[in-house]
PDB file of N, CA and C in Angstrom:
ATOM      1  N   UNK A   1      18.246 -11.170  24.506  1.00  0.00           N
ATOM      2  CA  UNK A   1      18.190  -9.405  23.950  1.00  0.00           C
ATOM      3  C   UNK A   1      18.171  -8.471  25.424  1.00  0.00           C
ATOM      4  N   UNK A   2      18.997  -7.460  24.964  1.00  0.00           N
ATOM      5  CA  UNK A   2      19.584  -6.913  25.904  1.00  0.00           C
ATOM      6  C   UNK A   2      18.256  -5.274  26.186  1.00  0.00           C
ATOM      7  N   UNK A   3      18.032  -4.946  27.256  1.00  0.00           N
ATOM      8  CA  UNK A   3      17.264  -4.543  27.787  1.00  0.00           C
ATOM      9  C   UNK A   3      17.253  -2.989  26.391  1.00  0.00           C
ATOM     10  N   UNK A   4      18.846  -2.088  26.377  1.00  0.00           N
ATOM     11  CA  UNK A   4      18.921  -1.485  25.705  1.00  0.00           C
ATOM     12  C   UNK A   4      18.419  -1.831  23.955  1.00  0.00           C
ATOM     13  N   UNK A   5      18.628  -3.310  23.894  1.00  0.00           N
ATOM     14  CA  UNK A   5      18.274  -3.675  22.133  1.00  0.00           C
ATOM     15  C   UNK A   5      16.541  -3.481  22.583  1.00  0.00           C
ATOM     16  N   UNK A   6      15.968  -3.967  23.117  1.00  0.00           N
ATOM     17  CA  UNK A   6      14.794  -4.426  23.090  1.00  0.00           C
ATOM     18  C   UNK A   6      14.168  -2.420  23.210  1.00  0.00           C
ATOM     19  N   UNK A   7      14.287  -2.073  23.824  1.00  0.00           N
ATOM     20  CA  UNK A   7      14.007  -0.098  24.067  1.00  0.00           C
ATOM     21  C   UNK A   7      14.007   0.307  22.534  1.00  0.00           C
ATOM     22  N   UNK A   8      15.229   0.109  21.939  1.00  0.00           N
ATOM     23  CA  UNK A   8      15.737   0.401  20.398  1.00  0.00           C
ATOM     24  C   UNK A   8      14.448  -0.347  19.153  1.00  0.00           C
ATOM     25  N   UNK A   9      14.730  -1.397  19.478  1.00  0.00           N
ATOM     26  CA  UNK A   9      13.635  -1.987  18.766  1.00  0.00           C
ATOM     27  C   UNK A   9      11.966  -1.674  19.315  1.00  0.00           C
ATOM     28  N   UNK A  10      11.151  -1.176  20.251  1.00  0.00           N
ATOM     29  CA  UNK A  10      10.189  -0.553  20.265  1.00  0.00           C
ATOM     30  C   UNK A  10       9.840   0.820  19.899  1.00  0.00           C
ATOM     31  N   UNK A  11      11.244   1.955  20.147  1.00  0.00           N
ATOM     32  CA  UNK A  11      10.682   2.914  19.524  1.00  0.00           C
ATOM     33  C   UNK A  11      11.114   2.898  18.183  1.00  0.00           C
ATOM     34  N   UNK A  12      11.560   1.862  17.518  1.00  0.00           N
ATOM     35  CA  UNK A  12      11.304   1.887  15.779  1.00  0.00           C
ATOM     36  C   UNK A  12       9.828   1.622  15.460  1.00  0.00           C
ATOM     37  N   UNK A  13       9.619   0.831  16.416  1.00  0.00           N
ATOM     38  CA  UNK A  13       8.130   0.189  15.736  1.00  0.00           C
ATOM     39  C   UNK A  13       7.168   1.284  16.173  1.00  0.00           C
ATOM     40  N   UNK A  14       7.322   2.240  17.066  1.00  0.00           N
ATOM     41  CA  UNK A  14       6.357   3.235  17.212  1.00  0.00           C
ATOM     42  C   UNK A  14       6.702   4.286  16.736  1.00  0.00           C
ATOM     43  N   UNK A  15       7.808   4.948  15.756  1.00  0.00           N
ATOM     44  CA  UNK A  15       8.403   5.700  15.192  1.00  0.00           C
ATOM     45  C   UNK A  15       7.596   5.291  13.502  1.00  0.00           C
ATOM     46  N   UNK A  16       7.428   3.884  13.223  1.00  0.00           N
ATOM     47  CA  UNK A  16       6.766   3.572  11.848  1.00  0.00           C
ATOM     48  C   UNK A  16       5.635   3.832  11.952  1.00  0.00           C
ATOM     49  N   UNK A  17       5.357   3.553  13.326  1.00  0.00           N
ATOM     50  CA  UNK A  17       4.182   2.975  13.403  1.00  0.00           C
ATOM     51  C   UNK A  17       3.203   4.915  13.060  1.00  0.00           C
ATOM     52  N   UNK A  18       4.178   5.776  13.942  1.00  0.00           N
ATOM     53  CA  UNK A  18       4.078   7.296  13.543  1.00  0.00           C
ATOM     54  C   UNK A  18       3.465   7.512  12.396  1.00  0.00           C
ATOM     55  N   UNK A  19       4.557   7.421  11.588  1.00  0.00           N
ATOM     56  CA  UNK A  19       4.854   7.978  10.280  1.00  0.00           C
ATOM     57  C   UNK A  19       3.769   6.954   9.431  1.00  0.00           C
ATOM     58  N   UNK A  20       3.459   5.756   9.565  1.00  0.00           N
ATOM     59  CA  UNK A  20       2.351   5.003   8.773  1.00  0.00           C
ATOM     60  C   UNK A  20       0.832   5.957   9.109  1.00  0.00           C
ATOM     61  N   UNK A  21       0.500   6.163  10.392  1.00  0.00           N
ATOM     62  CA  UNK A  21      -0.535   6.938  10.855  1.00  0.00           C
ATOM     63  C   UNK A  21      -0.267   8.556  10.316  1.00  0.00           C
ATOM     64  N   UNK A  22       0.558   9.002  10.124  1.00  0.00           N
ATOM     65  CA  UNK A  22       0.436  10.392   9.879  1.00  0.00           C
ATOM     66  C   UNK A  22       0.270  10.271   8.234  1.00  0.00           C
ATOM     67  N   UNK A  23       0.800   9.571   7.852  1.00  0.00           N
ATOM     68  CA  UNK A  23       0.523   9.475   6.002  1.00  0.00           C
ATOM     69  C   UNK A  23      -0.947   9.248   5.645  1.00  0.00           C
ATOM     70  N   UNK A  24      -1.610   8.250   6.839  1.00  0.00           N
ATOM     71  CA  UNK A  24      -2.960   7.931   6.304  1.00  0.00           C
ATOM     72  C   UNK A  24      -3.499   8.936   6.376  1.00  0.00           C
ATOM     73  N   UNK A  25      -3.601   9.688   7.940  1.00  0.00           N
ATOM     74  CA  UNK A  25      -4.428  10.619   8.321  1.00  0.00           C
ATOM     75  C   UNK A  25      -4.497  12.191   7.292  1.00  0.00           C
ATOM     76  N   UNK A  26      -3.426  12.270   6.528  1.00  0.00           N
ATOM     77  CA  UNK A  26      -3.050  13.406   5.587  1.00  0.00           C
ATOM     78  C   UNK A  26      -3.629  12.954   3.980  1.00  0.00           C
ATOM     79  N   UNK A  27      -4.028  11.723   4.148  1.00  0.00           N
ATOM     80  CA  UNK A  27      -3.901  11.127   2.713  1.00  0.00           C
ATOM     81  C   UNK A  27      -5.415  11.565   1.953  1.00  0.00           C
ATOM     82  N   UNK A  28      -6.054  11.615   1.174  1.00  0.00           N
ATOM     83  CA  UNK A  28      -7.184  11.694   0.461  1.00  0.00           C
ATOM     84  C   UNK A  28      -8.119  10.420  -0.351  1.00  0.00           C
ATOM     85  N   UNK A  29      -9.072  10.385   0.037  1.00  0.00           N
ATOM     86  CA  UNK A  29      -9.743   9.273  -0.619  1.00  0.00           C
ATOM     87  C   UNK A  29     -11.017   9.720  -0.977  1.00  0.00           C
ATOM     88  N   UNK A  30     -11.258   8.991  -2.221  1.00  0.00           N
ATOM     89  CA  UNK A  30     -12.337   9.301  -2.632  1.00  0.00           C
ATOM     90  C   UNK A  30     -13.409   8.146  -3.380  1.00  0.00           C
ATOM     91  N   UNK A  31     -14.189   7.531  -2.384  1.00  0.00           N
ATOM     92  CA  UNK A  31     -14.806   6.222  -3.255  1.00  0.00           C
ATOM     93  C   UNK A  31     -16.067   5.537  -2.087  1.00  0.00           C
ATOM     94  N   UNK A  32     -16.134   4.609  -2.561  1.00  0.00           N
ATOM     95  CA  UNK A  32     -17.081   4.140  -1.279  1.00  0.00           C
ATOM     96  C   UNK A  32     -16.736   3.387  -0.351  1.00  0.00           C
ATOM     97  N   UNK A  33     -17.400   3.590   0.569  1.00  0.00           N
ATOM     98  CA  UNK A  33     -17.201   3.053   2.187  1.00  0.00           C
ATOM     99  C   UNK A  33     -18.507   2.308   2.252  1.00  0.00           C
ATOM    100  N   UNK A  34     -17.852   1.298   3.344  1.00  0.00           N
ATOM    101  CA  UNK A  34     -18.577   0.350   3.851  1.00  0.00           C
ATOM    102  C   UNK A  34     -18.259   0.254   5.596  1.00  0.00           C
ATOM    103  N   UNK A  35     -19.220   0.418   6.553  1.00  0.00           N
ATOM    104  CA  UNK A  35     -18.704   0.403   8.057  1.00  0.00           C
ATOM    105  C   UNK A  35     -17.727   1.227   8.065  1.00  0.00           C
ATOM    106  N   UNK A  36     -17.499   2.534   7.769  1.00  0.00           N
ATOM    107  CA  UNK A  36     -16.575   3.497   8.095  1.00  0.00           C
ATOM    108  C   UNK A  36     -15.204   2.824   7.364  1.00  0.00           C
ATOM    109  N   UNK A  37     -14.875   1.667   6.329  1.00  0.00           N
ATOM    110  CA  UNK A  37     -13.663   1.609   5.816  1.00  0.00           C
ATOM    111  C   UNK A  37     -13.900   1.742   4.644  1.00  0.00           C
ATOM    112  N   UNK A  38     -12.706   1.891   4.063  1.00  0.00           N
ATOM    113  CA  UNK A  38     -12.730   1.835   2.240  1.00  0.00           C
ATOM    114  C   UNK A  38     -13.127   0.429   1.813  1.00  0.00           C
ATOM    115  N   UNK A  39     -14.076   0.564   1.168  1.00  0.00           N
ATOM    116  CA  UNK A  39     -14.424  -0.936   0.575  1.00  0.00           C
ATOM    117  C   UNK A  39     -15.324  -0.314  -0.817  1.00  0.00           C
ATOM    118  N   UNK A  40     -14.933  -1.170  -1.911  1.00  0.00           N
ATOM    119  CA  UNK A  40     -15.514  -1.098  -3.422  1.00  0.00           C
ATOM    120  C   UNK A  40     -14.211  -0.038  -3.898  1.00  0.00           C
ATOM    121  N   UNK A  41     -14.817   0.423  -5.220  1.00  0.00           N
ATOM    122  CA  UNK A  41     -13.680   1.049  -6.002  1.00  0.00           C
ATOM    123  C   UNK A  41     -13.574   2.453  -5.633  1.00  0.00           C
ATOM    124  N   UNK A  42     -12.147   2.949  -5.664  1.00  0.00           N
ATOM    125  CA  UNK A  42     -11.838   4.336  -4.695  1.00  0.00           C
ATOM    126  C   UNK A  42     -10.624   4.540  -5.571  1.00  0.00           C
ATOM    127  N   UNK A  43     -10.340   5.717  -4.937  1.00  0.00           N
ATOM    128  CA  UNK A  43      -8.775   6.493  -5.519  1.00  0.00           C
ATOM    129  C   UNK A  43      -8.444   6.414  -3.911  1.00  0.00           C
ATOM    130  N   UNK A  44      -7.268   6.420  -3.535  1.00  0.00           N
ATOM    131  CA  UNK A  44      -6.269   6.816  -2.125  1.00  0.00           C
ATOM    132  C   UNK A  44      -5.220   7.623  -2.778  1.00  0.00           C
ATOM    133  N   UNK A  45      -5.140   9.205  -2.479  1.00  0.00           N
ATOM    134  CA  UNK A  45      -3.811   9.369  -2.619  1.00  0.00           C
ATOM    135  C   UNK A  45      -3.192   9.718  -1.243  1.00  0.00           C
ATOM    136  N   UNK A  46      -1.755   9.746  -0.874  1.00  0.00           N
ATOM    137  CA  UNK A  46      -1.253  10.061   0.125  1.00  0.00           C
ATOM    138  C   UNK A  46      -0.163  11.583  -0.062  1.00  0.00           C
ATOM    139  N   UNK A  47       0.073  11.892   0.990  1.00  0.00           N
ATOM    140  CA  UNK A  47       0.773  13.077   1.014  1.00  0.00           C
ATOM    141  C   UNK A  47       1.967  13.311   0.132  1.00  0.00           C
ATOM    142  N   UNK A  48       2.720  11.797  -0.134  1.00  0.00           N
ATOM    143  CA  UNK A  48       4.250  11.745  -0.721  1.00  0.00           C
ATOM    144  C   UNK A  48       3.734  11.631  -2.319  1.00  0.00           C
ATOM    145  N   UNK A  49       2.623  11.565  -2.827  1.00  0.00           N
ATOM    146  CA  UNK A  49       2.207  11.330  -4.439  1.00  0.00           C
ATOM    147  C   UNK A  49       1.949  10.061  -4.424  1.00  0.00           C
ATOM    148  N   UNK A  50       1.819   8.875  -3.631  1.00  0.00           N
ATOM    149  CA  UNK A  50       1.224   7.330  -3.572  1.00  0.00           C
ATOM    150  C   UNK A  50       0.365   7.795  -4.107  1.00  0.00           C
ATOM    151  N   UNK A  51      -0.425   6.867  -5.131  1.00  0.00           N
ATOM    152  CA  UNK A  51      -1.513   6.564  -5.446  1.00  0.00           C
ATOM    153  C   UNK A  51      -1.959   5.496  -6.143  1.00  0.00           C
ATOM    154  N   UNK A  52      -3.337   4.846  -5.214  1.00  0.00           N
ATOM    155  CA  UNK A  52      -3.675   3.560  -5.455  1.00  0.00           C
ATOM    156  C   UNK A  52      -5.328   3.820  -5.928  1.00  0.00           C
ATOM    157  N   UNK A  53      -5.751   3.382  -7.150  1.00  0.00           N
ATOM    158  CA  UNK A  53      -6.989   3.347  -7.936  1.00  0.00           C
ATOM    159  C   UNK A  53      -7.303   1.928  -7.775  1.00  0.00           C
ATOM    160  N   UNK A  54      -8.555   1.745  -7.334  1.00  0.00           N
ATOM    161  CA  UNK A  54      -9.045   0.441  -7.816  1.00  0.00           C
ATOM    162  C   UNK A  54      -9.915  -0.030  -6.618  1.00  0.00           C
ATOM    163  N   UNK A  55      -9.688  -1.576  -6.668  1.00  0.00           N
ATOM    164  CA  UNK A  55     -10.669  -1.621  -5.252  1.00  0.00           C
ATOM    165  C   UNK A  55      -9.903  -2.021  -4.208  1.00  0.00           C
ATOM    166  N   UNK A  56     -11.087  -1.870  -3.280  1.00  0.00           N
ATOM    167  CA  UNK A  56     -11.099  -2.166  -1.453  1.00  0.00           C
ATOM    168  C   UNK A  56     -11.786  -3.017  -0.948  1.00  0.00           C
ATOM    169  N   UNK A  57     -10.869  -3.924  -0.088  1.00  0.00           N
ATOM    170  CA  UNK A  57     -12.150  -4.637   0.668  1.00  0.00           C
ATOM    171  C   UNK A  57     -11.549  -4.669   2.211  1.00  0.00           C
ATOM    172  N   UNK A  58     -12.549  -4.137   3.008  1.00  0.00           N
ATOM    173  CA  UNK A  58     -12.001  -3.617   4.230  1.00  0.00           C
ATOM    174  C   UNK A  58     -11.091  -2.532   4.850  1.00  0.00           C
ATOM    175  N   UNK A  59     -10.824  -2.268   4.000  1.00  0.00           N
ATOM    176  CA  UNK A  59     -10.044  -0.591   4.349  1.00  0.00           C
ATOM    177  C   UNK A  59      -8.637  -1.265   3.587  1.00  0.00           C
ATOM    178  N   UNK A  60      -8.514  -2.285   2.841  1.00  0.00           N
ATOM    179  CA  UNK A  60      -7.383  -3.289   2.307  1.00  0.00           C
ATOM    180  C   UNK A  60      -7.384  -3.036   0.713  1.00  0.00           C
ATOM    181  N   UNK A  61      -6.284  -2.777  -0.171  1.00  0.00           N
ATOM    182  CA  UNK A  61      -6.174  -3.187  -1.682  1.00  0.00           C
ATOM    183  C   UNK A  61      -7.121  -4.634  -1.751  1.00  0.00           C
ATOM    184  N   UNK A  62      -7.504  -4.741  -2.276  1.00  0.00           N
ATOM    185  CA  UNK A  62      -8.340  -6.131  -2.657  1.00  0.00           C
ATOM    186  C   UNK A  62      -9.054  -6.100  -4.002  1.00  0.00           C
ATOM    187  N   UNK A  63      -8.348  -7.025  -4.892  1.00  0.00           N
ATOM    188  CA  UNK A  63      -8.962  -6.720  -6.586  1.00  0.00           C
ATOM    189  C   UNK A  63      -8.092  -6.244  -7.348  1.00  0.00           C
ATOM    190  N   UNK A  64      -8.757  -5.655  -8.230  1.00  0.00           N
ATOM    191  CA  UNK A  64      -7.751  -5.227  -9.485  1.00  0.00           C
ATOM    192  C   UNK A  64      -7.916  -3.713  -8.755  1.00  0.00           C
ATOM    193  N   UNK A  65      -6.626  -3.302  -9.262  1.00  0.00           N
ATOM    194  CA  UNK A  65      -6.167  -1.732  -9.077  1.00  0.00           C
ATOM    195  C   UNK A  65      -4.505  -1.382  -9.531  1.00  0.00           C
ATOM    196  N   UNK A  66      -4.563  -0.206  -9.411  1.00  0.00           N
ATOM    197  CA  UNK A  66      -3.133   0.424  -9.661  1.00  0.00           C
ATOM    198  C   UNK A  66      -2.744   0.822  -8.760  1.00  0.00           C
ATOM    199  N   UNK A  67      -1.420   0.979  -8.479  1.00  0.00           N
ATOM    200  CA  UNK A  67      -0.763   1.654  -7.419  1.00  0.00           C
ATOM    201  C   UNK A  67       0.461   2.354  -7.898  1.00  0.00           C
ATOM    202  N   UNK A  68       0.414   3.566  -7.968  1.00  0.00           N
ATOM    203  CA  UNK A  68       1.738   4.381  -8.952  1.00  0.00           C
ATOM    204  C   UNK A  68       2.508   5.044  -7.362  1.00  0.00           C
ATOM    205  N   UNK A  69       3.890   5.143  -7.643  1.00  0.00           N
ATOM    206  CA  UNK A  69       4.499   5.477  -6.649  1.00  0.00           C
ATOM    207  C   UNK A  69       5.143   6.722  -7.027  1.00  0.00           C
ATOM    208  N   UNK A  70       5.287   7.900  -6.285  1.00  0.00           N
ATOM    209  CA  UNK A  70       6.267   8.865  -6.752  1.00  0.00           C
ATOM    210  C   UNK A  70       7.619   9.097  -7.679  1.00  0.00           C
ATOM    211  N   UNK A  71       8.187   8.064  -7.932  1.00  0.00           N
ATOM    212  CA  UNK A  71       9.045   8.151  -8.424  1.00  0.00           C
ATOM    213  C   UNK A  71       8.847   7.393  -9.691  1.00  0.00           C
ATOM    214  N   UNK A  72       7.917   7.021  -9.978  1.00  0.00           N
ATOM    215  CA  UNK A  72       7.351   6.496 -11.004  1.00  0.00           C
ATOM    216  C   UNK A  72       7.051   4.804 -11.407  1.00  0.00           C
ATOM    217  N   UNK A  73       7.587   4.183 -10.395  1.00  0.00           N
ATOM    218  CA  UNK A  73       7.292   2.852  -9.983  1.00  0.00           C
ATOM    219  C   UNK A  73       5.802   2.465 -10.202  1.00  0.00           C
ATOM    220  N   UNK A  74       5.248   1.394 -10.694  1.00  0.00           N
ATOM    221  CA  UNK A  74       3.745   1.008 -10.791  1.00  0.00           C
ATOM    222  C   UNK A  74       3.201  -0.376 -10.646  1.00  0.00           C
ATOM    223  N   UNK A  75       2.547  -0.767  -9.992  1.00  0.00           N
ATOM    224  CA  UNK A  75       2.228  -1.654 -10.059  1.00  0.00           C
ATOM    225  C   UNK A  75       0.460  -2.127 -10.567  1.00  0.00           C
ATOM    226  N   UNK A  76       0.340  -3.053 -11.667  1.00  0.00           N
ATOM    227  CA  UNK A  76      -0.742  -2.916 -11.660  1.00  0.00           C
ATOM    228  C   UNK A  76      -1.081  -4.474 -12.013  1.00  0.00           C
ATOM    229  N   UNK A  77      -2.408  -4.926 -11.404  1.00  0.00           N
ATOM    230  CA  UNK A  77      -2.808  -5.923 -11.001  1.00  0.00           C
ATOM    231  C   UNK A  77      -3.984  -6.047 -10.071  1.00  0.00           C
ATOM    232  N   UNK A  78      -3.914  -7.752  -9.537  1.00  0.00           N
ATOM    233  CA  UNK A  78      -4.169  -8.044  -8.721  1.00  0.00           C
ATOM    234  C   UNK A  78      -4.250  -8.101  -7.399  1.00  0.00           C
ATOM    235  N   UNK A  79      -4.693  -7.660  -6.278  1.00  0.00           N
ATOM    236  CA  UNK A  79      -4.697  -7.452  -5.079  1.00  0.00           C
ATOM    237  C   UNK A  79      -5.165  -8.317  -4.372  1.00  0.00           C
ATOM    238  N   UNK A  80      -4.548  -8.830  -2.809  1.00  0.00           N
ATOM    239  CA  UNK A  80      -5.497  -9.561  -2.115  1.00  0.00           C
ATOM    240  C   UNK A  80      -5.067  -9.379  -1.023  1.00  0.00           C
ATOM    241  N   UNK A  81      -5.740  -9.216   0.278  1.00  0.00           N
ATOM    242  CA  UNK A  81      -5.683  -8.092   1.399  1.00  0.00           C
ATOM    243  C   UNK A  81      -4.924  -7.704   1.783  1.00  0.00           C
ATOM    244  N   UNK A  82      -4.535  -6.426   0.455  1.00  0.00           N
ATOM    245  CA  UNK A  82      -3.638  -5.206   0.987  1.00  0.00           C
ATOM    246  C   UNK A  82      -2.244  -5.932   0.399  1.00  0.00           C
ATOM    247  N   UNK A  83      -2.017  -7.026  -0.235  1.00  0.00           N
ATOM    248  CA  UNK A  83      -0.959  -7.161  -0.752  1.00  0.00           C
ATOM    249  C   UNK A  83      -1.031  -7.392  -2.287  1.00  0.00           C
ATOM    250  N   UNK A  84       0.285  -7.628  -2.862  1.00  0.00           N
ATOM    251  CA  UNK A  84       0.771  -7.720  -4.644  1.00  0.00           C
ATOM    252  C   UNK A  84      -0.182  -9.456  -4.782  1.00  0.00           C
ATOM    253  N   UNK A  85      -0.536  -9.470  -5.454  1.00  0.00           N
ATOM    254  CA  UNK A  85      -1.327 -11.050  -5.853  1.00  0.00           C
ATOM    255  C   UNK A  85      -0.816 -11.582  -6.914  1.00  0.00           C
ATOM    256  N   UNK A  86      -1.377 -11.131  -8.215  1.00  0.00           N
ATOM    257  CA  UNK A  86      -1.003 -11.686  -9.325  1.00  0.00           C
ATOM    258  C   UNK A  86      -1.191 -10.384 -10.833  1.00  0.00           C
ATOM    259  N   UNK A  87       0.115  -9.839 -10.924  1.00  0.00           N
ATOM    260  CA  UNK A  87      -0.040  -8.444 -11.812  1.00  0.00           C
ATOM    261  C   UNK A  87       1.849  -7.871 -12.168  1.00  0.00           C
ATOM    262  N   UNK A  88       1.611  -6.993 -12.400  1.00  0.00           N
ATOM    263  CA  UNK A  88       3.016  -6.469 -13.098  1.00  0.00           C
ATOM    264  C   UNK A  88       3.547  -5.216 -12.236  1.00  0.00           C
ATOM    265  N   UNK A  89       4.534  -5.486 -11.894  1.00  0.00           N
ATOM    266  CA  UNK A  89       5.313  -3.855 -11.319  1.00  0.00           C
ATOM    267  C   UNK A  89       6.484  -3.637 -12.161  1.00  0.00           C
ATOM    268  N   UNK A  90       6.461  -2.315 -12.503  1.00  0.00           N
ATOM    269  CA  UNK A  90       7.193  -1.845 -13.510  1.00  0.00           C
ATOM    270  C   UNK A  90       7.601  -0.612 -12.537  1.00  0.00           C
ATOM    271  N   UNK A  91       9.247  -0.867 -12.852  1.00  0.00           N
ATOM    272  CA  UNK A  91      10.120   0.094 -12.095  1.00  0.00           C
ATOM    273  C   UNK A  91      10.403   1.421 -12.720  1.00  0.00           C
ATOM    274  N   UNK A  92      10.953   2.090 -12.530  1.00  0.00           N
ATOM    275  CA  UNK A  92      11.090   4.035 -13.066  1.00  0.00           C
ATOM    276  C   UNK A  92      12.048   3.695 -13.960  1.00  0.00           C
ATOM    277  N   UNK A  93      13.002   2.430 -14.429  1.00  0.00           N
ATOM    278  CA  UNK A  93      13.379   2.169 -15.904  1.00  0.00           C
ATOM    279  C   UNK A  93      13.086   1.516 -16.437  1.00  0.00           C
ATOM    280  N   UNK A  94      11.393   0.964 -16.625  1.00  0.00           N
ATOM    281  CA  UNK A  94      10.868   0.481 -17.361  1.00  0.00           C
ATOM    282  C   UNK A  94      10.916  -1.149 -17.230  1.00  0.00           C
ATOM    283  N   UNK A  95      12.039  -1.316 -16.365  1.00  0.00           N
ATOM    284  CA  UNK A  95      12.558  -2.783 -15.992  1.00  0.00           C
ATOM    285  C   UNK A  95      10.876  -3.268 -15.220  1.00  0.00           C
ATOM    286  N   UNK A  96      10.630  -4.806 -15.753  1.00  0.00           N
ATOM    287  CA  UNK A  96       9.424  -5.514 -15.380  1.00  0.00           C
ATOM    288  C   UNK A  96       9.332  -6.481 -14.358  1.00  0.00           C
ATOM    289  N   UNK A  97       8.464  -6.854 -13.440  1.00  0.00           N
ATOM    290  CA  UNK A  97       8.910  -8.002 -12.660  1.00  0.00           C
ATOM    291  C   UNK A  97       7.328  -8.480 -12.185  1.00  0.00           C
ATOM    292  N   UNK A  98       7.043  -9.498 -12.491  1.00  0.00           N
ATOM    293  CA  UNK A  98       5.874 -10.157 -12.634  1.00  0.00           C
ATOM    294  C   UNK A  98       5.803 -10.908 -10.994  1.00  0.00           C
ATOM    295  N   UNK A  99       4.109 -10.671 -11.132  1.00  0.00           N
ATOM    296  CA  UNK A  99       3.723 -11.607  -9.490  1.00  0.00           C
ATOM    297  C   UNK A  99       2.661 -12.541  -9.781  1.00  0.00           C
ATOM    298  N   UNK A 100       3.031 -13.744  -9.440  1.00  0.00           N
ATOM    299  CA  UNK A 100       1.742 -14.801  -9.629  1.00  0.00           C
ATOM    300  C   UNK A 100       1.740 -15.303  -8.261  1.00  0.00           C
ATOM    301  N   UNK A 101       0.147 -15.200  -7.430  1.00  0.00           N
ATOM    302  CA  UNK A 101      -0.089 -16.110  -6.401  1.00  0.00           C
ATOM    303  C   UNK A 101       0.405 -15.361  -5.464  1.00  0.00           C
ATOM    304  N   UNK A 102       0.919 -13.965  -5.487  1.00  0.00           N
ATOM    305  CA  UNK A 102       1.464 -12.885  -4.069  1.00  0.00           C
ATOM    306  C   UNK A 102       3.081 -13.486  -4.074  1.00  0.00           C
ATOM    307  N   UNK A 103       3.458 -14.050  -5.265  1.00  0.00           N
ATOM    308  CA  UNK A 103       5.088 -14.196  -5.013  1.00  0.00           C
ATOM    309  C   UNK A 103       5.571 -13.829  -6.226  1.00  0.00           C
ATOM    310  N   UNK A 104       6.508 -13.157  -6.157  1.00  0.00           N
ATOM    311  CA  UNK A 104       7.438 -12.305  -7.224  1.00  0.00           C
ATOM    312  C   UNK A 104       7.971 -13.619  -8.106  1.00  0.00           C
ATOM    313  N   UNK A 105       7.903 -13.428  -9.266  1.00  0.00           N
ATOM    314  CA  UNK A 105       8.302 -14.543 -10.130  1.00  0.00           C
ATOM    315  C   UNK A 105       9.266 -14.484 -11.331  1.00  0.00           C
TER     316      UNK A 105
END
């Protein structure tokens, strides 16, 4: 890998991290907390309108929950360690995609 390419990739990682961090710090969370982390039932609303309502474990989506995106897309179902696990993702046009054991089926 060239030095220029490595620098470009590192800059991209920093920018993505900064965007993620900015989204987190401007978010609103109402719910249970354990050891300073979101834990139990709660609702997290991000500044762009993305909203998750459901269960958290150690700060991550974990258990039953609903994620609604600003464009109307929605995932309803089980989460495991912050990832879609078993549920249904509905696109803005109404088409549905099923998830089982962390994989799109």
